[in-house]
Amino acid sequence: MAQQLLRVQNFNVSSDGYGAGEGQTLERPFGHADPEAMFAWAGATASWPRRTDPGGSRGLDDYLTRDYGRNIGAEIMGRNKFGPQRGPWGVSGGPWPGPRRLARHLAALPKRPDSSAIDPLRRLAMHRTRRRVLPDPDPPDTPWRDHEWRGWWGDEPPFHTPVFVLTHHPRPSFALGDTTFHFLDADPATALATAREAADGKDVRLGGGAATIRAFLDAGLVDTLHVAVSPVALGGGSRLWESPDELLDRYHRDVVPSPGGTVTHHLFWRK
């Protein structure tokens, strides 16, 4: 049986090593970082899954974008890739603004066709409005309801596999389309063993964020790692590294500039 790899695919960091900025909120999944700038290299490719117009670049950037889902049978992610809440579900995520107010707020945001987060949030807001998840008109601000939040991605998440969300506050599993979210309070090795069993012989993708990837790196569990380094500096947030050279005691590395000149690809594999 072929080895099941743990792969980090297309993870983006700033020039100073941050995978996301400070101050994550419902409206800003990446905090003060601009995802449109950090992910521009992928959004410009022909294989970008949210592309609405013909064309797009080919070459290395496009290959890496296409490779994102190849032979992946499960994903592991940290809780703050799944959502902005902190602490127990339903009590500490901040006020839920009500479906109409949320829909109005998100509709006023500038549209970012290459962003992986804004458009799904817009759809989620309208979906909640239609379903009357909270009564209409908007109630006073109330805490997040238990288990109401179902991720940033709307009704059709882009994973198409089991997804294991690491959290100290587990909640029941649920399915959206062909993606099923499970919630684990587990150390990296146990989480990986669980994900490998669910992956049915395929590889497992480690989706982030930066702190989650760092924990798996420190545990010696990551087999391959692709990080796209953007020329944008953030100055703070969730940091993957101070320098990519930190990994060279354990990994080989190739560094390849993006053909479009927007990022530098760092490709690591175990020694």
Protein backbone atom coordinates (compact mmCIF):
# COMPACT_ATOMS: atom_id res chain seq x y z
CA MET A 1 0.00 0.00 0.00
CA ALA A 2 1.35 3.44 -0.94
CA GLN A 3 2.36 5.77 1.86
CA GLN A 4 -0.28 8.29 2.86
CA LEU A 5 1.43 11.66 2.85
CA LEU A 6 0.57 14.70 4.94
CA ARG A 7 0.76 17.59 2.48
CA VAL A 8 0.58 21.36 2.87
CA GLN A 9 -0.74 22.68 -0.45
CA ASN A 10 -0.70 26.28 -1.72
CA PHE A 11 -0.34 27.88 1.70
CA ASN A 12 0.27 31.62 1.38
CA VAL A 13 2.38 33.76 3.68
CA SER A 14 3.56 37.35 3.66
CA SER A 15 7.17 38.32 3.10
CA ASP A 16 7.61 38.38 6.88
CA GLY A 17 6.12 34.93 7.36
CA TYR A 18 2.50 35.56 8.40
CA GLY A 19 -0.31 33.40 7.03
CA ALA A 20 -3.00 35.81 8.26
CA GLY A 21 -3.15 39.24 9.82
CA GLU A 22 -4.39 40.42 13.19
CA GLY A 23 -8.00 41.05 14.14
CA GLN A 24 -9.91 38.21 12.45
CA THR A 25 -13.65 38.92 12.24
CA LEU A 26 -16.66 37.55 10.39
CA GLU A 27 -16.13 40.08 7.60
CA ARG A 28 -12.32 39.70 7.51
CA PRO A 29 -11.31 36.03 7.75
CA PHE A 30 -7.64 36.99 7.23
CA GLY A 31 -7.65 39.87 9.71
CA HIS A 32 -5.92 42.98 8.40
CA ALA A 33 -4.31 40.98 5.55
CA ASP A 34 -5.78 41.49 2.09
CA PRO A 35 -6.49 38.02 0.65
CA GLU A 36 -6.87 39.46 -2.85
CA ALA A 37 -3.22 40.53 -2.76
CA MET A 38 -1.89 37.36 -1.16
CA PHE A 39 -3.79 34.94 -3.43
CA ALA A 40 -3.52 36.91 -6.67
CA TRP A 41 -1.11 34.36 -8.15
CA ALA A 42 -3.70 31.56 -7.88
CA GLY A 43 -6.67 33.71 -8.87
CA ALA A 44 -4.94 34.58 -12.14
CA THR A 45 -4.61 30.95 -13.27
CA ALA A 46 -6.80 29.10 -15.74
CA SER A 47 -7.56 26.45 -13.09
CA TRP A 48 -8.72 28.82 -10.34
CA PRO A 49 -12.01 27.16 -9.29
CA ARG A 50 -13.92 30.43 -8.86
CA ARG A 51 -12.94 31.79 -12.25
CA THR A 52 -15.99 33.26 -14.03
CA ASP A 53 -14.29 34.45 -17.21
CA PRO A 54 -12.33 32.49 -19.82
CA GLY A 55 -8.56 32.57 -19.99
CA GLY A 56 -6.10 32.66 -17.13
CA SER A 57 -2.41 31.83 -16.95
CA ARG A 58 -0.81 28.44 -17.50
CA GLY A 59 2.56 27.13 -16.34
CA LEU A 60 3.76 26.50 -12.78
CA ASP A 61 1.15 28.63 -10.99
CA ASP A 62 -1.63 26.84 -12.83
CA TYR A 63 -0.12 23.42 -12.14
CA LEU A 64 0.08 24.13 -8.39
CA THR A 65 -3.52 25.36 -8.39
CA ARG A 66 -4.68 22.19 -10.17
CA ASP A 67 -2.60 20.00 -7.85
CA TYR A 68 -4.48 21.24 -4.77
CA GLY A 69 -6.99 18.39 -4.78
CA ARG A 70 -4.94 15.60 -6.38
CA ASN A 71 -5.13 12.36 -4.38
CA ILE A 72 -6.48 14.13 -1.28
CA GLY A 73 -8.83 12.05 0.85
CA ALA A 74 -9.20 14.25 3.94
CA GLU A 75 -8.19 17.65 5.31
CA ILE A 76 -7.11 18.82 8.76
CA MET A 77 -7.54 22.50 9.68
CA GLY A 78 -7.36 24.67 12.76
CA ARG A 79 -10.48 26.13 14.26
CA ASN A 80 -9.75 29.65 13.07
CA LYS A 81 -9.60 28.55 9.46
CA PHE A 82 -13.14 27.25 10.05
CA GLY A 83 -14.47 30.41 11.68
CA PRO A 84 -13.80 33.48 13.84
CA GLN A 85 -15.24 32.17 17.11
CA ARG A 86 -13.15 31.70 20.24
CA GLY A 87 -13.95 29.54 23.27
CA PRO A 88 -17.04 27.34 23.71
CA TRP A 89 -19.47 27.37 20.80
CA GLY A 90 -22.40 29.70 21.29
CA VAL A 91 -21.01 31.93 24.03
CA SER A 92 -17.84 33.73 23.01
CA GLY A 93 -17.78 34.37 19.29
CA GLY A 94 -19.11 37.88 19.61
CA PRO A 95 -22.61 39.15 18.78
CA TRP A 96 -24.54 37.66 15.89
CA PRO A 97 -25.90 40.66 14.00
CA GLY A 98 -29.06 39.05 12.64
CA PRO A 99 -29.53 37.87 9.04
CA ARG A 100 -30.83 41.09 7.49
CA ARG A 101 -28.18 43.26 9.09
CA LEU A 102 -25.44 40.80 8.09
CA ALA A 103 -26.71 40.65 4.52
CA ARG A 104 -26.78 44.45 4.27
CA HIS A 105 -23.28 44.74 5.71
CA LEU A 106 -21.74 42.16 3.40
CA ALA A 107 -23.57 43.50 0.35
CA ALA A 108 -21.90 46.84 0.99
CA LEU A 109 -18.41 45.37 0.92
CA PRO A 110 -16.42 45.79 -2.31
CA LYS A 111 -16.69 42.74 -4.51
CA ARG A 112 -13.45 40.76 -4.90
CA PRO A 113 -13.89 38.19 -7.64
CA ASP A 114 -10.54 36.54 -6.90
CA SER A 115 -11.13 36.27 -3.15
CA SER A 116 -11.84 32.85 -1.67
CA ALA A 117 -13.87 34.25 1.22
CA ILE A 118 -15.97 37.32 0.40
CA ASP A 119 -18.34 35.83 -2.18
CA PRO A 120 -19.16 32.73 -0.08
CA LEU A 121 -19.86 34.99 2.91
CA ARG A 122 -22.22 37.04 0.75
CA ARG A 123 -24.07 33.89 -0.30
CA LEU A 124 -24.17 32.64 3.30
CA ALA A 125 -25.73 35.89 4.48
CA MET A 126 -28.47 35.78 1.82
CA HIS A 127 -29.08 32.08 2.50
CA ARG A 128 -29.58 32.80 6.20
CA THR A 129 -31.90 35.68 5.35
CA ARG A 130 -34.11 33.49 3.16
CA ARG A 131 -34.27 30.73 5.78
CA ARG A 132 -35.11 33.13 8.63
CA VAL A 133 -32.54 31.50 10.90
CA LEU A 134 -33.28 34.35 13.32
CA PRO A 135 -36.67 36.08 13.49
CA ASP A 136 -37.40 39.08 11.31
CA PRO A 137 -37.00 42.00 11.92
CA ASP A 138 -33.51 41.76 13.36
CA PRO A 139 -33.42 41.05 17.09
CA PRO A 140 -31.05 42.84 19.46
CA ASP A 141 -27.50 41.54 19.21
CA THR A 142 -27.32 38.07 20.71
CA PRO A 143 -24.45 35.63 21.23
CA TRP A 144 -23.57 33.12 18.53
CA ARG A 145 -26.02 30.27 18.66
CA ASP A 146 -24.71 26.80 19.40
CA HIS A 147 -23.53 25.06 16.24
CA GLU A 148 -25.12 27.63 13.91
CA TRP A 149 -21.86 28.60 12.22
CA ARG A 150 -20.97 26.23 9.35
CA GLY A 151 -17.79 27.76 7.96
CA TRP A 152 -16.88 30.50 5.53
CA TRP A 153 -17.74 28.60 2.35
CA GLY A 154 -21.53 28.48 2.02
CA ASP A 155 -23.50 25.39 1.02
CA GLU A 156 -20.81 23.89 -1.26
CA PRO A 157 -17.40 23.95 0.47
CA PRO A 158 -14.42 23.40 -1.84
CA PHE A 159 -12.97 20.40 0.03
CA HIS A 160 -15.12 17.44 -1.18
CA THR A 161 -13.67 15.19 1.55
CA PRO A 162 -13.97 14.69 5.30
CA VAL A 163 -12.53 17.75 7.09
CA PHE A 164 -11.23 17.51 10.66
CA VAL A 165 -11.33 20.80 12.58
CA LEU A 166 -9.02 20.91 15.60
CA THR A 167 -10.68 22.54 18.60
CA HIS A 168 -10.75 22.23 22.38
CA HIS A 169 -14.55 22.49 22.11
CA PRO A 170 -15.88 19.64 19.94
CA ARG A 171 -19.36 19.82 18.42
CA PRO A 172 -21.45 17.40 16.33
CA SER A 173 -20.33 16.59 12.79
CA PHE A 174 -22.34 17.89 9.85
CA ALA A 175 -22.28 17.60 6.05
CA LEU A 176 -22.50 20.31 3.40
CA GLY A 177 -22.59 18.91 -0.12
CA ASP A 178 -19.90 16.22 -0.33
CA THR A 179 -17.85 17.72 2.54
CA THR A 180 -18.33 16.47 6.10
CA PHE A 181 -16.90 18.51 8.98
CA HIS A 182 -15.76 16.71 12.14
CA PHE A 183 -14.48 18.43 15.28
CA LEU A 184 -11.56 16.93 17.20
CA ASP A 185 -9.90 17.76 20.50
CA ALA A 186 -6.71 15.87 19.70
CA ASP A 187 -2.94 16.23 19.47
CA PRO A 188 -1.41 16.36 15.96
CA ALA A 189 -0.45 12.67 15.81
CA THR A 190 -3.90 11.49 16.89
CA ALA A 191 -5.63 13.89 14.50
CA LEU A 192 -3.47 12.67 11.62
CA ALA A 193 -4.20 9.01 12.42
CA THR A 194 -7.93 9.78 12.42
CA ALA A 195 -7.74 11.69 9.13
CA ARG A 196 -5.68 8.96 7.45
CA GLU A 197 -8.28 6.37 8.35
CA ALA A 198 -11.02 8.53 6.83
CA ALA A 199 -8.92 9.28 3.69
CA ASP A 200 -9.33 5.70 2.40
CA GLY A 201 -5.71 5.29 1.35
CA LYS A 202 -5.30 8.78 -0.13
CA ASP A 203 -3.14 11.62 1.20
CA VAL A 204 -4.20 14.10 3.87
CA ARG A 205 -3.99 17.85 3.29
CA LEU A 206 -3.04 20.12 6.18
CA GLY A 207 -4.98 23.27 5.41
CA GLY A 208 -3.78 25.71 8.05
CA GLY A 209 -3.71 28.19 9.59
CA ALA A 210 -0.12 28.95 10.32
CA ALA A 211 -0.20 27.89 13.98
CA THR A 212 -1.72 24.53 13.05
CA ILE A 213 0.90 23.90 10.36
CA ARG A 214 3.64 24.88 12.77
CA ALA A 215 2.35 22.39 15.36
CA PHE A 216 2.45 19.55 12.83
CA LEU A 217 5.91 20.60 11.63
CA ASP A 218 7.19 20.65 15.20
CA ALA A 219 5.75 17.15 15.69
CA GLY A 220 7.64 15.92 12.62
CA LEU A 221 4.49 14.89 10.77
CA VAL A 222 4.52 16.96 7.54
CA ASP A 223 5.85 15.13 4.46
CA THR A 224 5.66 17.86 1.80
CA LEU A 225 5.08 21.59 2.04
CA HIS A 226 4.33 24.19 -0.62
CA VAL A 227 4.33 27.80 0.61
CA ALA A 228 3.78 30.77 -1.70
CA VAL A 229 5.58 33.81 -0.28
CA SER A 230 3.94 37.11 -1.20
CA PRO A 231 5.91 40.37 -1.42
CA VAL A 232 3.37 41.96 0.97
CA ALA A 233 4.56 42.50 4.58
CA LEU A 234 1.98 42.25 7.39
CA GLY A 235 3.97 43.06 10.52
CA GLY A 236 1.82 40.89 12.78
CA GLY A 237 -0.72 38.09 12.90
CA SER A 238 -0.47 34.31 12.74
CA ARG A 239 3.12 33.45 11.86
CA LEU A 240 4.44 30.35 10.11
CA TRP A 241 8.12 31.26 10.33
CA GLU A 242 10.61 34.08 10.75
CA SER A 243 12.62 32.57 7.88
CA PRO A 244 11.98 29.56 5.64
CA ASP A 245 15.57 28.51 6.39
CA GLU A 246 14.27 27.26 9.75
CA LEU A 247 13.10 24.06 8.02
CA LEU A 248 16.32 23.20 6.20
CA ASP A 249 17.57 20.88 8.93
CA ARG A 250 14.65 18.55 8.14
CA TYR A 251 13.63 19.28 4.55
CA HIS A 252 15.08 19.70 1.11
CA ARG A 253 13.85 22.88 -0.60
CA ASP A 254 13.47 24.29 -4.08
CA VAL A 255 12.68 28.00 -4.51
CA VAL A 256 10.97 28.91 -7.78
CA PRO A 257 9.70 32.39 -8.73
CA SER A 258 6.14 32.55 -9.96
CA PRO A 259 6.02 33.02 -13.76
CA GLY A 260 3.73 35.97 -13.10
CA GLY A 261 6.26 37.50 -10.72
CA THR A 262 3.74 37.89 -7.88
CA VAL A 263 5.07 35.30 -5.40
CA THR A 264 7.99 32.96 -4.78
CA HIS A 265 7.14 29.27 -4.40
CA HIS A 266 8.98 27.36 -1.67
CA LEU A 267 8.69 23.59 -2.16
CA PHE A 268 9.84 21.37 0.73
CA TRP A 269 10.12 17.60 1.01
CA ARG A 270 11.54 15.42 3.76
CA LYS A 271 15.24 14.55 3.88
